[in-house]
Amino acid sequence: EPIMPSLIGLSLRKGLQQISRYNIKVRI
């Protein structure tokens, strides 16, 4: 069961690196 990682404080690039494996859409 995948869970949402903590992205607070990260740059956009590093945040997208964290969630890209879950194959979900991102709204910025």
PDB file of all heavy atoms in Angstrom:
ATOM      1  N   GLU A   1       0.837  -1.192   0.000  1.00  0.00           N
ATOM      2  CA  GLU A   1       0.000   0.000   0.000  1.00  0.00           C
ATOM      3  C   GLU A   1       0.877   1.250   0.000  1.00  0.00           C
ATOM      4  O   GLU A   1       1.581   1.523   0.977  1.00  0.00           O
ATOM      5  CB  GLU A   1      -0.912   0.006   1.225  1.00  0.00           C
ATOM      6  CG  GLU A   1      -1.862   1.188   1.231  1.00  0.00           C
ATOM      7  CD  GLU A   1      -2.828   1.124   2.402  1.00  0.00           C
ATOM      8  OE1 GLU A   1      -2.686   0.222   3.239  1.00  0.00           O
ATOM      9  OE2 GLU A   1      -3.700   1.992   2.473  1.00  0.00           O
ATOM     10  N   PRO A   2       0.884   2.036  -1.092  1.00  0.00           N
ATOM     11  CA  PRO A   2       1.748   3.216  -1.145  1.00  0.00           C
ATOM     12  C   PRO A   2       1.184   4.336  -0.282  1.00  0.00           C
ATOM     13  O   PRO A   2      -0.030   4.496  -0.148  1.00  0.00           O
ATOM     14  CB  PRO A   2       1.728   3.602  -2.625  1.00  0.00           C
ATOM     15  CG  PRO A   2       0.414   3.102  -3.126  1.00  0.00           C
ATOM     16  CD  PRO A   2       0.117   1.852  -2.341  1.00  0.00           C
ATOM     17  N   ILE A   3       2.078   5.114   0.311  1.00  0.00           N
ATOM     18  CA  ILE A   3       1.667   6.256   1.120  1.00  0.00           C
ATOM     19  C   ILE A   3       2.368   7.504   0.609  1.00  0.00           C
ATOM     20  O   ILE A   3       3.431   7.443  -0.006  1.00  0.00           O
ATOM     21  CB  ILE A   3       1.970   6.050   2.620  1.00  0.00           C
ATOM     22  CG1 ILE A   3       3.478   5.861   2.836  1.00  0.00           C
ATOM     23  CG2 ILE A   3       1.172   4.894   3.179  1.00  0.00           C
ATOM     24  CD1 ILE A   3       3.868   5.825   4.306  1.00  0.00           C
ATOM     25  N   MET A   4       1.750   8.640   0.869  1.00  0.00           N
ATOM     26  CA  MET A   4       2.265   9.919   0.398  1.00  0.00           C
ATOM     27  C   MET A   4       3.515  10.314   1.181  1.00  0.00           C
ATOM     28  O   MET A   4       3.492  10.358   2.421  1.00  0.00           O
ATOM     29  CB  MET A   4       1.182  10.993   0.568  1.00  0.00           C
ATOM     30  CG  MET A   4       1.568  12.354   0.042  1.00  0.00           C
ATOM     31  SD  MET A   4       1.656  12.363  -1.759  1.00  0.00           S
ATOM     32  CE  MET A   4       2.140  14.054  -2.060  1.00  0.00           C
ATOM     33  N   PRO A   5       4.622  10.588   0.496  1.00  0.00           N
ATOM     34  CA  PRO A   5       5.832  11.025   1.207  1.00  0.00           C
ATOM     35  C   PRO A   5       5.711  12.480   1.652  1.00  0.00           C
ATOM     36  O   PRO A   5       4.870  13.232   1.167  1.00  0.00           O
ATOM     37  CB  PRO A   5       6.931  10.865   0.146  1.00  0.00           C
ATOM     38  CG  PRO A   5       6.221  11.028  -1.153  1.00  0.00           C
ATOM     39  CD  PRO A   5       4.853  10.458  -0.953  1.00  0.00           C
ATOM     40  N   SER A   6       6.565  12.887   2.571  1.00  0.00           N
ATOM     41  CA  SER A   6       6.602  14.276   3.025  1.00  0.00           C
ATOM     42  C   SER A   6       7.434  15.104   2.050  1.00  0.00           C
ATOM     43  O   SER A   6       8.604  14.798   1.792  1.00  0.00           O
ATOM     44  CB  SER A   6       7.204  14.358   4.433  1.00  0.00           C
ATOM     45  OG  SER A   6       7.322  15.710   4.826  1.00  0.00           O
ATOM     46  N   LEU A   7       6.840  16.166   1.514  1.00  0.00           N
ATOM     47  CA  LEU A   7       7.498  16.992   0.499  1.00  0.00           C
ATOM     48  C   LEU A   7       7.709  18.428   0.957  1.00  0.00           C
ATOM     49  O   LEU A   7       8.325  19.217   0.228  1.00  0.00           O
ATOM     50  CB  LEU A   7       6.660  16.999  -0.785  1.00  0.00           C
ATOM     51  CG  LEU A   7       6.261  15.631  -1.352  1.00  0.00           C
ATOM     52  CD1 LEU A   7       5.384  15.820  -2.587  1.00  0.00           C
ATOM     53  CD2 LEU A   7       7.486  14.808  -1.686  1.00  0.00           C
ATOM     54  N   ILE A   8       7.237  18.771   2.152  1.00  0.00           N
ATOM     55  CA  ILE A   8       7.324  20.149   2.631  1.00  0.00           C
ATOM     56  C   ILE A   8       8.793  20.567   2.739  1.00  0.00           C
ATOM     57  O   ILE A   8       9.626  19.853   3.298  1.00  0.00           O
ATOM     58  CB  ILE A   8       6.633  20.310   3.999  1.00  0.00           C
ATOM     59  CG1 ILE A   8       5.173  19.847   3.909  1.00  0.00           C
ATOM     60  CG2 ILE A   8       6.722  21.757   4.473  1.00  0.00           C
ATOM     61  CD1 ILE A   8       4.342  20.627   2.939  1.00  0.00           C
ATOM     62  N   GLY A   9       9.093  21.746   2.173  1.00  0.00           N
ATOM     63  CA  GLY A   9      10.445  22.279   2.241  1.00  0.00           C
ATOM     64  C   GLY A   9      11.327  21.916   1.066  1.00  0.00           C
ATOM     65  O   GLY A   9      12.413  22.474   0.900  1.00  0.00           O
ATOM     66  N   LEU A  10      10.877  20.964   0.228  1.00  0.00           N
ATOM     67  CA  LEU A  10      11.682  20.538  -0.908  1.00  0.00           C
ATOM     68  C   LEU A  10      11.477  21.473  -2.095  1.00  0.00           C
ATOM     69  O   LEU A  10      10.471  22.166  -2.196  1.00  0.00           O
ATOM     70  CB  LEU A  10      11.321  19.113  -1.328  1.00  0.00           C
ATOM     71  CG  LEU A  10      11.534  17.991  -0.306  1.00  0.00           C
ATOM     72  CD1 LEU A  10      11.149  16.650  -0.921  1.00  0.00           C
ATOM     73  CD2 LEU A  10      12.965  17.961   0.194  1.00  0.00           C
ATOM     74  N   SER A  11      12.449  21.485  -2.992  1.00  0.00           N
ATOM     75  CA  SER A  11      12.269  22.171  -4.264  1.00  0.00           C
ATOM     76  C   SER A  11      11.293  21.365  -5.103  1.00  0.00           C
ATOM     77  O   SER A  11      11.020  20.191  -4.818  1.00  0.00           O
ATOM     78  CB  SER A  11      13.601  22.301  -5.002  1.00  0.00           C
ATOM     79  OG  SER A  11      14.087  21.017  -5.361  1.00  0.00           O
ATOM     80  N   LEU A  12      10.764  21.981  -6.159  1.00  0.00           N
ATOM     81  CA  LEU A  12       9.820  21.273  -7.020  1.00  0.00           C
ATOM     82  C   LEU A  12      10.463  20.046  -7.637  1.00  0.00           C
ATOM     83  O   LEU A  12       9.863  18.969  -7.682  1.00  0.00           O
ATOM     84  CB  LEU A  12       9.314  22.208  -8.117  1.00  0.00           C
ATOM     85  CG  LEU A  12       8.394  21.563  -9.161  1.00  0.00           C
ATOM     86  CD1 LEU A  12       7.137  21.012  -8.507  1.00  0.00           C
ATOM     87  CD2 LEU A  12       8.039  22.556 -10.256  1.00  0.00           C
ATOM     88  N   ARG A  13      11.711  20.189  -8.105  1.00  0.00           N
ATOM     89  CA  ARG A  13      12.386  19.068  -8.747  1.00  0.00           C
ATOM     90  C   ARG A  13      12.513  17.877  -7.794  1.00  0.00           C
ATOM     91  O   ARG A  13      12.192  16.736  -8.142  1.00  0.00           O
ATOM     92  CB  ARG A  13      13.769  19.499  -9.233  1.00  0.00           C
ATOM     93  CG  ARG A  13      14.489  18.442 -10.044  1.00  0.00           C
ATOM     94  CD  ARG A  13      15.956  18.773 -10.193  1.00  0.00           C
ATOM     95  NE  ARG A  13      16.172  20.081 -10.779  1.00  0.00           N
ATOM     96  CZ  ARG A  13      16.336  20.294 -12.072  1.00  0.00           C
ATOM     97  NH1 ARG A  13      16.312  19.289 -12.895  1.00  0.00           N
ATOM     98  NH2 ARG A  13      16.545  21.507 -12.529  1.00  0.00           N
ATOM     99  N   LYS A  14      12.957  18.128  -6.567  1.00  0.00           N
ATOM    100  CA  LYS A  14      13.130  17.030  -5.622  1.00  0.00           C
ATOM    101  C   LYS A  14      11.787  16.453  -5.190  1.00  0.00           C
ATOM    102  O   LYS A  14      11.665  15.245  -4.947  1.00  0.00           O
ATOM    103  CB  LYS A  14      13.937  17.507  -4.428  1.00  0.00           C
ATOM    104  CG  LYS A  14      15.399  17.785  -4.773  1.00  0.00           C
ATOM    105  CD  LYS A  14      16.208  18.170  -3.554  1.00  0.00           C
ATOM    106  CE  LYS A  14      17.676  18.378  -3.945  1.00  0.00           C
ATOM    107  NZ  LYS A  14      18.507  18.779  -2.792  1.00  0.00           N
ATOM    108  N   GLY A  15      10.779  17.318  -5.102  1.00  0.00           N
ATOM    109  CA  GLY A  15       9.452  16.803  -4.769  1.00  0.00           C
ATOM    110  C   GLY A  15       8.918  15.867  -5.836  1.00  0.00           C
ATOM    111  O   GLY A  15       8.357  14.805  -5.531  1.00  0.00           O
ATOM    112  N   LEU A  16       9.099  16.237  -7.106  1.00  0.00           N
ATOM    113  CA  LEU A  16       8.650  15.376  -8.195  1.00  0.00           C
ATOM    114  C   LEU A  16       9.450  14.089  -8.257  1.00  0.00           C
ATOM    115  O   LEU A  16       8.926  13.040  -8.647  1.00  0.00           O
ATOM    116  CB  LEU A  16       8.742  16.130  -9.517  1.00  0.00           C
ATOM    117  CG  LEU A  16       7.774  17.311  -9.678  1.00  0.00           C
ATOM    118  CD1 LEU A  16       8.020  18.026 -10.992  1.00  0.00           C
ATOM    119  CD2 LEU A  16       6.336  16.852  -9.579  1.00  0.00           C
ATOM    120  N   GLN A  17      10.738  14.154  -7.881  1.00  0.00           N
ATOM    121  CA  GLN A  17      11.522  12.920  -7.810  1.00  0.00           C
ATOM    122  C   GLN A  17      10.909  11.950  -6.810  1.00  0.00           C
ATOM    123  O   GLN A  17      10.880  10.734  -7.040  1.00  0.00           O
ATOM    124  CB  GLN A  17      12.966  13.244  -7.408  1.00  0.00           C
ATOM    125  CG  GLN A  17      13.800  13.888  -8.499  1.00  0.00           C
ATOM    126  CD  GLN A  17      15.186  14.248  -8.016  1.00  0.00           C
ATOM    127  OE1 GLN A  17      15.427  14.378  -6.812  1.00  0.00           O
ATOM    128  NE2 GLN A  17      16.113  14.431  -8.928  1.00  0.00           N
ATOM    129  N   GLN A  18      10.397  12.475  -5.686  1.00  0.00           N
ATOM    130  CA  GLN A  18       9.849  11.625  -4.631  1.00  0.00           C
ATOM    131  C   GLN A  18       8.559  10.933  -5.057  1.00  0.00           C
ATOM    132  O   GLN A  18       8.312   9.783  -4.682  1.00  0.00           O
ATOM    133  CB  GLN A  18       9.595  12.467  -3.373  1.00  0.00           C
ATOM    134  CG  GLN A  18      10.850  12.993  -2.709  1.00  0.00           C
ATOM    135  CD  GLN A  18      11.612  11.906  -1.990  1.00  0.00           C
ATOM    136  OE1 GLN A  18      11.020  10.993  -1.436  1.00  0.00           O
ATOM    137  NE2 GLN A  18      12.929  11.985  -2.013  1.00  0.00           N
ATOM    138  N   ILE A  19       7.713  11.627  -5.830  1.00  0.00           N
ATOM    139  CA  ILE A  19       6.386  11.061  -6.116  1.00  0.00           C
ATOM    140  C   ILE A  19       6.268  10.497  -7.529  1.00  0.00           C
ATOM    141  O   ILE A  19       5.224   9.947  -7.878  1.00  0.00           O
ATOM    142  CB  ILE A  19       5.278  12.118  -5.895  1.00  0.00           C
ATOM    143  CG1 ILE A  19       5.486  13.319  -6.827  1.00  0.00           C
ATOM    144  CG2 ILE A  19       5.235  12.562  -4.453  1.00  0.00           C
ATOM    145  CD1 ILE A  19       4.370  14.335  -6.722  1.00  0.00           C
ATOM    146  N   SER A  20       7.327  10.624  -8.357  1.00  0.00           N
ATOM    147  CA  SER A  20       7.201  10.160  -9.737  1.00  0.00           C
ATOM    148  C   SER A  20       6.959   8.657  -9.819  1.00  0.00           C
ATOM    149  O   SER A  20       6.334   8.169 -10.756  1.00  0.00           O
ATOM    150  CB  SER A  20       8.470  10.520 -10.531  1.00  0.00           C
ATOM    151  OG  SER A  20       9.610   9.883  -9.977  1.00  0.00           O
ATOM    152  N   ARG A  21       7.420   7.915  -8.838  1.00  0.00           N
ATOM    153  CA  ARG A  21       7.262   6.443  -8.886  1.00  0.00           C
ATOM    154  C   ARG A  21       5.815   5.997  -8.718  1.00  0.00           C
ATOM    155  O   ARG A  21       5.473   4.865  -9.041  1.00  0.00           O
ATOM    156  CB  ARG A  21       8.125   5.796  -7.795  1.00  0.00           C
ATOM    157  CG  ARG A  21       7.679   6.110  -6.384  1.00  0.00           C
ATOM    158  CD  ARG A  21       8.495   5.323  -5.362  1.00  0.00           C
ATOM    159  NE  ARG A  21       9.875   5.719  -5.401  1.00  0.00           N
ATOM    160  CZ  ARG A  21      10.396   6.664  -4.601  1.00  0.00           C
ATOM    161  NH1 ARG A  21       9.606   7.315  -3.752  1.00  0.00           N
ATOM    162  NH2 ARG A  21      11.656   6.979  -4.659  1.00  0.00           N
ATOM    163  N   TYR A  22       4.927   6.897  -8.217  1.00  0.00           N
ATOM    164  CA  TYR A  22       3.547   6.494  -7.947  1.00  0.00           C
ATOM    165  C   TYR A  22       2.624   6.719  -9.139  1.00  0.00           C
ATOM    166  O   TYR A  22       1.455   6.359  -9.085  1.00  0.00           O
ATOM    167  CB  TYR A  22       3.022   7.251  -6.720  1.00  0.00           C
ATOM    168  CG  TYR A  22       3.821   6.978  -5.477  1.00  0.00           C
ATOM    169  CD1 TYR A  22       4.567   7.989  -4.883  1.00  0.00           C
ATOM    170  CD2 TYR A  22       3.866   5.710  -4.915  1.00  0.00           C
ATOM    171  CE1 TYR A  22       5.325   7.750  -3.752  1.00  0.00           C
ATOM    172  CE2 TYR A  22       4.624   5.447  -3.783  1.00  0.00           C
ATOM    173  CZ  TYR A  22       5.362   6.477  -3.205  1.00  0.00           C
ATOM    174  OH  TYR A  22       6.126   6.223  -2.095  1.00  0.00           O
ATOM    175  N   ASN A  23       3.123   7.330 -10.213  1.00  0.00           N
ATOM    176  CA  ASN A  23       2.350   7.484 -11.443  1.00  0.00           C
ATOM    177  C   ASN A  23       1.016   8.185 -11.206  1.00  0.00           C
ATOM    178  O   ASN A  23      -0.041   7.751 -11.679  1.00  0.00           O
ATOM    179  CB  ASN A  23       2.117   6.114 -12.099  1.00  0.00           C
ATOM    180  CG  ASN A  23       1.735   6.248 -13.566  1.00  0.00           C
ATOM    181  OD1 ASN A  23       2.081   7.231 -14.203  1.00  0.00           O
ATOM    182  ND2 ASN A  23       1.023   5.277 -14.080  1.00  0.00           N
ATOM    183  N   ILE A  24       1.060   9.295 -10.449  1.00  0.00           N
ATOM    184  CA  ILE A  24      -0.142  10.095 -10.246  1.00  0.00           C
ATOM    185  C   ILE A  24       0.087  11.484 -10.846  1.00  0.00           C
ATOM    186  O   ILE A  24       1.225  11.934 -10.978  1.00  0.00           O
ATOM    187  CB  ILE A  24      -0.514  10.219  -8.746  1.00  0.00           C
ATOM    188  CG1 ILE A  24       0.660  10.826  -7.964  1.00  0.00           C
ATOM    189  CG2 ILE A  24      -0.916   8.879  -8.178  1.00  0.00           C
ATOM    190  CD1 ILE A  24       0.353  11.039  -6.493  1.00  0.00           C
ATOM    191  N   LYS A  25      -1.003  12.158 -11.200  1.00  0.00           N
ATOM    192  CA  LYS A  25      -0.898  13.488 -11.778  1.00  0.00           C
ATOM    193  C   LYS A  25      -0.565  14.497 -10.685  1.00  0.00           C
ATOM    194  O   LYS A  25      -0.923  14.313  -9.515  1.00  0.00           O
ATOM    195  CB  LYS A  25      -2.205  13.873 -12.460  1.00  0.00           C
ATOM    196  CG  LYS A  25      -2.555  13.010 -13.660  1.00  0.00           C
ATOM    197  CD  LYS A  25      -3.880  13.400 -14.252  1.00  0.00           C
ATOM    198  CE  LYS A  25      -3.886  14.829 -14.742  1.00  0.00           C
ATOM    199  NZ  LYS A  25      -5.165  15.181 -15.401  1.00  0.00           N
ATOM    200  N   VAL A  26       0.117  15.568 -11.090  1.00  0.00           N
ATOM    201  CA  VAL A  26       0.532  16.588 -10.130  1.00  0.00           C
ATOM    202  C   VAL A  26       0.007  17.942 -10.590  1.00  0.00           C
ATOM    203  O   VAL A  26       0.173  18.315 -11.750  1.00  0.00           O
ATOM    204  CB  VAL A  26       2.071  16.640  -9.998  1.00  0.00           C
ATOM    205  CG1 VAL A  26       2.472  17.702  -8.985  1.00  0.00           C
ATOM    206  CG2 VAL A  26       2.614  15.279  -9.590  1.00  0.00           C
ATOM    207  N   ARG A  27      -0.635  18.653  -9.697  1.00  0.00           N
ATOM    208  CA  ARG A  27      -1.083  20.025  -9.964  1.00  0.00           C
ATOM    209  C   ARG A  27      -0.215  20.965  -9.131  1.00  0.00           C
ATOM    210  O   ARG A  27      -0.064  20.772  -7.916  1.00  0.00           O
ATOM    211  CB  ARG A  27      -2.561  20.191  -9.614  1.00  0.00           C
ATOM    212  CG  ARG A  27      -3.092  21.591  -9.924  1.00  0.00           C
ATOM    213  CD  ARG A  27      -4.554  21.740  -9.546  1.00  0.00           C
ATOM    214  NE  ARG A  27      -5.387  20.863 -10.348  1.00  0.00           N
ATOM    215  CZ  ARG A  27      -6.242  19.983  -9.856  1.00  0.00           C
ATOM    216  NH1 ARG A  27      -6.369  19.846  -8.542  1.00  0.00           N
ATOM    217  NH2 ARG A  27      -6.977  19.226 -10.640  1.00  0.00           N
ATOM    218  N   ILE A  28       0.357  21.978  -9.767  1.00  0.00           N
ATOM    219  CA  ILE A  28       1.319  22.859  -9.110  1.00  0.00           C
ATOM    220  C   ILE A  28       0.753  24.276  -9.045  1.00  0.00           C
ATOM    221  O   ILE A  28       0.241  24.795 -10.039  1.00  0.00           O
ATOM    222  CB  ILE A  28       2.661  22.866  -9.860  1.00  0.00           C
ATOM    223  CG1 ILE A  28       3.244  21.444  -9.895  1.00  0.00           C
ATOM    224  CG2 ILE A  28       3.661  23.825  -9.225  1.00  0.00           C
ATOM    225  CD1 ILE A  28       4.384  21.302 -10.861  1.00  0.00           C
TER     226      ILE A  28
END
